[in-house]
Amino acid sequence: MNETKKASASLEDKGPRLPGFRTWRGVYLLVIGTFVALVVALTIFTRLHA
């Protein structure tokens, strides 16, 4: 029982190991935000140059 708690605690403690990001939520938000910004930029450029 004690080993199960240690295993689940060690899985929860592992962060993304990226500079500037303490949680995976921040990484996900960055990726989604970048994707949305790219789609918006492509839409704007398409309308300007069409």
N, C-alpha and C. Protein backbone atom coordinates (compact mmCIF):
# COMPACT_ATOMS: atom_id res chain seq x y z
N MET A 1 0.83 -1.19 0.00
CA MET A 1 0.00 0.00 0.00
C MET A 1 0.87 1.24 0.00
N ASN A 2 1.95 1.21 0.75
CA ASN A 2 2.84 2.35 0.84
C ASN A 2 3.56 2.58 -0.49
N GLU A 3 3.89 1.49 -1.21
CA GLU A 3 4.57 1.62 -2.50
C GLU A 3 3.65 2.26 -3.54
N THR A 4 2.37 1.99 -3.45
CA THR A 4 1.42 2.58 -4.39
C THR A 4 1.36 4.08 -4.21
N LYS A 5 1.37 4.55 -2.99
CA LYS A 5 1.35 5.99 -2.71
C LYS A 5 2.62 6.65 -3.24
N LYS A 6 3.75 5.98 -3.06
CA LYS A 6 5.02 6.54 -3.55
C LYS A 6 5.02 6.61 -5.08
N ALA A 7 4.50 5.58 -5.73
CA ALA A 7 4.48 5.57 -7.19
C ALA A 7 3.59 6.66 -7.74
N SER A 8 2.41 6.83 -7.14
CA SER A 8 1.51 7.87 -7.64
C SER A 8 2.04 9.26 -7.32
N ALA A 9 2.71 9.41 -6.18
CA ALA A 9 3.29 10.71 -5.83
C ALA A 9 4.44 11.06 -6.77
N SER A 10 5.23 10.07 -7.15
CA SER A 10 6.35 10.35 -8.05
C SER A 10 5.85 10.72 -9.45
N LEU A 11 4.73 10.13 -9.88
CA LEU A 11 4.17 10.50 -11.17
C LEU A 11 3.61 11.91 -11.15
N GLU A 12 3.02 12.32 -10.05
CA GLU A 12 2.45 13.65 -9.94
C GLU A 12 3.54 14.72 -9.83
N ASP A 13 4.68 14.38 -9.26
CA ASP A 13 5.74 15.35 -9.05
C ASP A 13 6.54 15.65 -10.32
N LYS A 14 6.43 14.82 -11.31
CA LYS A 14 7.21 15.04 -12.53
C LYS A 14 6.61 16.17 -13.34
N GLY A 15 7.35 17.23 -13.47
CA GLY A 15 6.91 18.36 -14.29
C GLY A 15 7.44 18.20 -15.70
N PRO A 16 7.22 19.18 -16.53
CA PRO A 16 7.64 19.08 -17.92
C PRO A 16 9.15 19.21 -18.13
N ARG A 17 9.88 19.64 -17.11
CA ARG A 17 11.33 19.84 -17.19
C ARG A 17 11.72 20.78 -18.33
N LEU A 18 10.91 21.80 -18.55
CA LEU A 18 11.20 22.83 -19.54
C LEU A 18 11.42 24.15 -18.82
N PRO A 19 12.38 24.94 -19.26
CA PRO A 19 12.61 26.22 -18.61
C PRO A 19 11.40 27.14 -18.75
N GLY A 20 10.97 27.71 -17.66
CA GLY A 20 9.84 28.62 -17.67
C GLY A 20 8.49 27.97 -17.47
N PHE A 21 8.44 26.65 -17.42
CA PHE A 21 7.18 25.94 -17.24
C PHE A 21 7.28 25.03 -16.02
N ARG A 22 6.39 25.27 -15.06
CA ARG A 22 6.38 24.43 -13.87
C ARG A 22 5.35 23.31 -13.97
N THR A 23 4.34 23.49 -14.84
CA THR A 23 3.28 22.49 -14.97
C THR A 23 3.04 22.18 -16.44
N TRP A 24 2.43 21.03 -16.67
CA TRP A 24 2.08 20.66 -18.04
C TRP A 24 0.98 21.55 -18.57
N ARG A 25 0.15 22.11 -17.68
CA ARG A 25 -0.93 22.98 -18.13
C ARG A 25 -0.37 24.19 -18.89
N GLY A 26 0.73 24.75 -18.41
CA GLY A 26 1.35 25.87 -19.10
C GLY A 26 1.85 25.50 -20.48
N VAL A 27 2.39 24.31 -20.60
CA VAL A 27 2.88 23.84 -21.90
C VAL A 27 1.70 23.68 -22.87
N TYR A 28 0.63 23.06 -22.38
CA TYR A 28 -0.55 22.87 -23.23
C TYR A 28 -1.13 24.21 -23.67
N LEU A 29 -1.21 25.17 -22.76
CA LEU A 29 -1.75 26.48 -23.11
C LEU A 29 -0.88 27.18 -24.15
N LEU A 30 0.43 27.05 -24.03
CA LEU A 30 1.33 27.63 -25.02
C LEU A 30 1.12 27.01 -26.39
N VAL A 31 1.01 25.71 -26.45
CA VAL A 31 0.82 25.02 -27.73
C VAL A 31 -0.51 25.40 -28.36
N ILE A 32 -1.57 25.41 -27.58
CA ILE A 32 -2.89 25.77 -28.11
C ILE A 32 -2.91 27.24 -28.54
N GLY A 33 -2.32 28.11 -27.73
CA GLY A 33 -2.28 29.53 -28.09
C GLY A 33 -1.49 29.78 -29.35
N THR A 34 -0.38 29.08 -29.52
CA THR A 34 0.42 29.21 -30.74
C THR A 34 -0.35 28.73 -31.96
N PHE A 35 -1.06 27.63 -31.81
CA PHE A 35 -1.87 27.10 -32.92
C PHE A 35 -2.96 28.09 -33.32
N VAL A 36 -3.65 28.65 -32.33
CA VAL A 36 -4.72 29.61 -32.63
C VAL A 36 -4.14 30.85 -33.31
N ALA A 37 -3.01 31.35 -32.82
CA ALA A 37 -2.38 32.52 -33.42
C ALA A 37 -1.96 32.23 -34.86
N LEU A 38 -1.47 31.05 -35.13
CA LEU A 38 -1.07 30.68 -36.48
C LEU A 38 -2.27 30.61 -37.41
N VAL A 39 -3.36 30.04 -36.95
CA VAL A 39 -4.56 29.96 -37.78
C VAL A 39 -5.10 31.36 -38.07
N VAL A 40 -5.10 32.23 -37.07
CA VAL A 40 -5.56 33.60 -37.28
C VAL A 40 -4.66 34.33 -38.27
N ALA A 41 -3.35 34.18 -38.12
CA ALA A 41 -2.41 34.83 -39.03
C ALA A 41 -2.59 34.32 -40.46
N LEU A 42 -2.75 33.03 -40.63
CA LEU A 42 -2.96 32.48 -41.97
C LEU A 42 -4.26 32.97 -42.58
N THR A 43 -5.29 33.11 -41.77
CA THR A 43 -6.57 33.64 -42.26
C THR A 43 -6.42 35.09 -42.72
N ILE A 44 -5.73 35.90 -41.93
CA ILE A 44 -5.52 37.30 -42.29
C ILE A 44 -4.69 37.42 -43.56
N PHE A 45 -3.60 36.66 -43.65
CA PHE A 45 -2.75 36.73 -44.83
C PHE A 45 -3.47 36.24 -46.08
N THR A 46 -4.32 35.24 -45.92
CA THR A 46 -5.08 34.72 -47.06
C THR A 46 -6.03 35.80 -47.59
N ARG A 47 -6.70 36.49 -46.69
CA ARG A 47 -7.65 37.53 -47.13
C ARG A 47 -6.93 38.74 -47.72
N LEU A 48 -5.75 39.06 -47.22
CA LEU A 48 -5.01 40.20 -47.75
C LEU A 48 -4.45 39.94 -49.14
N HIS A 49 -4.00 38.71 -49.39
CA HIS A 49 -3.32 38.39 -50.63
C HIS A 49 -4.18 37.62 -51.63
N ALA A 50 -5.46 37.50 -51.38
CA ALA A 50 -6.33 36.76 -52.30
C ALA A 50 -6.95 37.69 -53.33
